[in-house]
């Protein structure tokens, strides 16, 4: 079963209406690819969604990066689900075990955006275009 995360900023719609005059790509088209890249970068650095290092693998002391063959992180994809939302999916069967943990494997949540990612996304999607517009 794939692990999916929805990224939706409908709650911030009022604030976005203030800058609706800006000529920017729909948020979903920016947010999806950004989220995929962020999940891969953070996971490869050995950190979970809360920016906490993953628990070490039992078989050796190397920092877990959930990469092994690359199939799991390579199965990440995004889909814009409207102007203001995107869905990120990891189609790998093992993703759910990492995300939720098992009796024999610690939880290593990697899907979604961290607080730092959300701030970076706001800069990319809104502040950078606004700064470019204002010169």
C-alpha atoms as a PDB file:
ATOM      1  CA  UNK A   1       0.000   0.000   0.000  1.00  0.00           C
ATOM      2  CA  UNK A   2       1.526   3.355  -0.987  1.00  0.00           C
ATOM      3  CA  UNK A   3       2.181   6.014   1.606  1.00  0.00           C
ATOM      4  CA  UNK A   4       0.674   9.348   0.585  1.00  0.00           C
ATOM      5  CA  UNK A   5       0.798  12.846   2.005  1.00  0.00           C
ATOM      6  CA  UNK A   6      -1.485  15.702   0.979  1.00  0.00           C
ATOM      7  CA  UNK A   7      -0.109  19.213   0.978  1.00  0.00           C
ATOM      8  CA  UNK A   8      -2.954  21.719   1.144  1.00  0.00           C
ATOM      9  CA  UNK A   9      -2.903  25.367   2.089  1.00  0.00           C
ATOM     10  CA  UNK A  10      -6.618  26.090   1.886  1.00  0.00           C
ATOM     11  CA  UNK A  11      -6.492  27.417   5.455  1.00  0.00           C
ATOM     12  CA  UNK A  12      -4.170  30.164   4.272  1.00  0.00           C
ATOM     13  CA  UNK A  13      -6.361  31.127   1.321  1.00  0.00           C
ATOM     14  CA  UNK A  14      -7.287  34.550   2.757  1.00  0.00           C
ATOM     15  CA  UNK A  15      -3.651  35.549   3.070  1.00  0.00           C
ATOM     16  CA  UNK A  16      -2.952  34.303  -0.443  1.00  0.00           C
ATOM     17  CA  UNK A  17      -5.781  36.390  -1.877  1.00  0.00           C
ATOM     18  CA  UNK A  18      -3.789  39.471  -0.904  1.00  0.00           C
ATOM     19  CA  UNK A  19      -1.086  38.494  -3.364  1.00  0.00           C
ATOM     20  CA  UNK A  20      -3.372  36.927  -5.971  1.00  0.00           C
ATOM     21  CA  UNK A  21      -2.294  39.508  -8.521  1.00  0.00           C
ATOM     22  CA  UNK A  22       1.108  37.818  -8.740  1.00  0.00           C
ATOM     23  CA  UNK A  23       1.908  35.847 -11.875  1.00  0.00           C
ATOM     24  CA  UNK A  24       3.145  32.614 -10.346  1.00  0.00           C
ATOM     25  CA  UNK A  25       2.791  28.936 -11.103  1.00  0.00           C
ATOM     26  CA  UNK A  26      -0.126  27.284  -9.284  1.00  0.00           C
ATOM     27  CA  UNK A  27       0.975  26.294  -5.793  1.00  0.00           C
ATOM     28  CA  UNK A  28       0.410  22.574  -6.420  1.00  0.00           C
ATOM     29  CA  UNK A  29       2.788  22.608  -9.384  1.00  0.00           C
ATOM     30  CA  UNK A  30       5.510  24.096  -7.183  1.00  0.00           C
ATOM     31  CA  UNK A  31       4.726  22.236  -3.937  1.00  0.00           C
ATOM     32  CA  UNK A  32       4.725  18.676  -5.294  1.00  0.00           C
ATOM     33  CA  UNK A  33       8.197  18.605  -6.872  1.00  0.00           C
ATOM     34  CA  UNK A  34       9.572  20.657  -3.969  1.00  0.00           C
ATOM     35  CA  UNK A  35       8.193  18.128  -1.465  1.00  0.00           C
ATOM     36  CA  UNK A  36       9.646  15.165  -3.371  1.00  0.00           C
ATOM     37  CA  UNK A  37      13.092  16.803  -3.489  1.00  0.00           C
ATOM     38  CA  UNK A  38      12.877  17.776   0.201  1.00  0.00           C
ATOM     39  CA  UNK A  39      11.879  14.273   1.314  1.00  0.00           C
ATOM     40  CA  UNK A  40      14.748  12.735  -0.660  1.00  0.00           C
ATOM     41  CA  UNK A  41      17.339  15.240   0.585  1.00  0.00           C
ATOM     42  CA  UNK A  42      16.272  15.038   4.233  1.00  0.00           C
ATOM     43  CA  UNK A  43      15.956  11.246   4.177  1.00  0.00           C
ATOM     44  CA  UNK A  44      19.354  10.789   2.512  1.00  0.00           C
ATOM     45  CA  UNK A  45      20.848  12.947   5.294  1.00  0.00           C
ATOM     46  CA  UNK A  46      19.468  10.448   7.825  1.00  0.00           C
ATOM     47  CA  UNK A  47      16.759  12.640   9.372  1.00  0.00           C
ATOM     48  CA  UNK A  48      13.038  12.116   9.843  1.00  0.00           C
ATOM     49  CA  UNK A  49      10.164  14.534   9.299  1.00  0.00           C
ATOM     50  CA  UNK A  50      10.917  16.197  12.649  1.00  0.00           C
ATOM     51  CA  UNK A  51      14.583  16.616  11.656  1.00  0.00           C
ATOM     52  CA  UNK A  52      15.597  13.988  14.223  1.00  0.00           C
ATOM     53  CA  UNK A  53      18.254  11.425  13.190  1.00  0.00           C
ATOM     54  CA  UNK A  54      16.850   8.021  12.282  1.00  0.00           C
ATOM     55  CA  UNK A  55      17.444   5.210  14.751  1.00  0.00           C
ATOM     56  CA  UNK A  56      20.496   3.199  13.641  1.00  0.00           C
ATOM     57  CA  UNK A  57      20.113  -0.032  11.735  1.00  0.00           C
ATOM     58  CA  UNK A  58      20.494  -3.094  13.963  1.00  0.00           C
ATOM     59  CA  UNK A  59      23.004  -4.798  11.650  1.00  0.00           C
ATOM     60  CA  UNK A  60      25.588  -2.014  11.492  1.00  0.00           C
ATOM     61  CA  UNK A  61      26.352   1.437  12.782  1.00  0.00           C
ATOM     62  CA  UNK A  62      25.998   3.426   9.578  1.00  0.00           C
ATOM     63  CA  UNK A  63      23.544   6.321   9.551  1.00  0.00           C
ATOM     64  CA  UNK A  64      20.233   5.107   8.115  1.00  0.00           C
ATOM     65  CA  UNK A  65      19.344   6.960   4.944  1.00  0.00           C
ATOM     66  CA  UNK A  66      16.599   4.550   3.816  1.00  0.00           C
ATOM     67  CA  UNK A  67      18.377   4.327   0.473  1.00  0.00           C
ATOM     68  CA  UNK A  68      19.659   0.732   0.181  1.00  0.00           C
ATOM     69  CA  UNK A  69      18.911   0.123  -3.537  1.00  0.00           C
ATOM     70  CA  UNK A  70      17.276   3.494  -4.196  1.00  0.00           C
ATOM     71  CA  UNK A  71      13.979   1.867  -5.145  1.00  0.00           C
ATOM     72  CA  UNK A  72      11.946   3.327  -2.277  1.00  0.00           C
ATOM     73  CA  UNK A  73      13.040   6.948  -2.650  1.00  0.00           C
ATOM     74  CA  UNK A  74      13.021   6.476  -6.412  1.00  0.00           C
ATOM     75  CA  UNK A  75       9.324   5.625  -6.224  1.00  0.00           C
ATOM     76  CA  UNK A  76       8.392   9.062  -4.870  1.00  0.00           C
ATOM     77  CA  UNK A  77       6.124  11.072  -7.135  1.00  0.00           C
ATOM     78  CA  UNK A  78       3.923  14.126  -6.925  1.00  0.00           C
ATOM     79  CA  UNK A  79       0.653  15.135  -8.473  1.00  0.00           C
ATOM     80  CA  UNK A  80      -0.865  18.589  -8.497  1.00  0.00           C
ATOM     81  CA  UNK A  81      -4.414  18.288  -7.261  1.00  0.00           C
ATOM     82  CA  UNK A  82      -5.539  21.796  -8.100  1.00  0.00           C
ATOM     83  CA  UNK A  83      -4.011  25.218  -7.926  1.00  0.00           C
ATOM     84  CA  UNK A  84      -3.562  25.112  -4.149  1.00  0.00           C
ATOM     85  CA  UNK A  85      -2.687  21.492  -3.371  1.00  0.00           C
ATOM     86  CA  UNK A  86      -0.433  18.589  -4.257  1.00  0.00           C
ATOM     87  CA  UNK A  87      -0.148  14.947  -3.297  1.00  0.00           C
ATOM     88  CA  UNK A  88       3.168  13.179  -2.763  1.00  0.00           C
ATOM     89  CA  UNK A  89       3.213   9.392  -2.935  1.00  0.00           C
ATOM     90  CA  UNK A  90       5.815   6.739  -2.233  1.00  0.00           C
ATOM     91  CA  UNK A  91       4.773   3.617  -4.130  1.00  0.00           C
ATOM     92  CA  UNK A  92       7.344   1.314  -2.516  1.00  0.00           C
ATOM     93  CA  UNK A  93       5.902  -1.478  -0.366  1.00  0.00           C
ATOM     94  CA  UNK A  94       8.575  -0.969   2.297  1.00  0.00           C
ATOM     95  CA  UNK A  95       7.689   2.715   2.802  1.00  0.00           C
ATOM     96  CA  UNK A  96       4.762   1.911   5.049  1.00  0.00           C
ATOM     97  CA  UNK A  97       6.985  -0.173   7.349  1.00  0.00           C
ATOM     98  CA  UNK A  98       9.441   2.692   7.749  1.00  0.00           C
ATOM     99  CA  UNK A  99       6.678   5.265   8.161  1.00  0.00           C
ATOM    100  CA  UNK A 100       4.788   3.337  10.846  1.00  0.00           C
ATOM    101  CA  UNK A 101       7.453   1.021  12.262  1.00  0.00           C
ATOM    102  CA  UNK A 102       6.964  -2.672  13.058  1.00  0.00           C
ATOM    103  CA  UNK A 103       7.588  -4.951  15.987  1.00  0.00           C
ATOM    104  CA  UNK A 104      11.088  -5.586  14.606  1.00  0.00           C
ATOM    105  CA  UNK A 105      11.826  -2.243  12.959  1.00  0.00           C
ATOM    106  CA  UNK A 106      11.760   1.238  14.526  1.00  0.00           C
ATOM    107  CA  UNK A 107       9.562   3.933  13.085  1.00  0.00           C
ATOM    108  CA  UNK A 108      11.429   6.157  10.652  1.00  0.00           C
ATOM    109  CA  UNK A 109       8.921   8.738   9.421  1.00  0.00           C
ATOM    110  CA  UNK A 110      10.207  10.307   6.260  1.00  0.00           C
ATOM    111  CA  UNK A 111       7.123  11.376   4.274  1.00  0.00           C
ATOM    112  CA  UNK A 112       5.861  14.942   4.361  1.00  0.00           C
ATOM    113  CA  UNK A 113       7.338  18.347   5.003  1.00  0.00           C
ATOM    114  CA  UNK A 114       9.302  19.361   8.085  1.00  0.00           C
ATOM    115  CA  UNK A 115       8.856  22.800   9.641  1.00  0.00           C
ATOM    116  CA  UNK A 116      11.994  23.970   7.836  1.00  0.00           C
ATOM    117  CA  UNK A 117      10.648  22.569   4.549  1.00  0.00           C
ATOM    118  CA  UNK A 118       7.397  24.503   4.973  1.00  0.00           C
ATOM    119  CA  UNK A 119       9.324  27.742   5.486  1.00  0.00           C
ATOM    120  CA  UNK A 120      11.481  27.017   2.427  1.00  0.00           C
ATOM    121  CA  UNK A 121       8.372  26.256   0.364  1.00  0.00           C
ATOM    122  CA  UNK A 122       6.788  29.561   1.400  1.00  0.00           C
ATOM    123  CA  UNK A 123       9.889  31.403   0.243  1.00  0.00           C
ATOM    124  CA  UNK A 124      10.009  29.516  -3.055  1.00  0.00           C
ATOM    125  CA  UNK A 125       6.308  29.734  -3.861  1.00  0.00           C
ATOM    126  CA  UNK A 126       5.433  33.178  -2.541  1.00  0.00           C
ATOM    127  CA  UNK A 127       8.243  35.362  -1.280  1.00  0.00           C
ATOM    128  CA  UNK A 128      10.657  34.854  -4.181  1.00  0.00           C
ATOM    129  CA  UNK A 129       7.983  35.652  -6.811  1.00  0.00           C
ATOM    130  CA  UNK A 130       6.841  38.656  -4.765  1.00  0.00           C
ATOM    131  CA  UNK A 131      10.412  39.944  -4.483  1.00  0.00           C
ATOM    132  CA  UNK A 132      10.869  39.469  -8.233  1.00  0.00           C
ATOM    133  CA  UNK A 133       7.626  41.329  -8.911  1.00  0.00           C
ATOM    134  CA  UNK A 134       8.637  44.229  -6.671  1.00  0.00           C
ATOM    135  CA  UNK A 135      12.134  44.324  -8.120  1.00  0.00           C
END
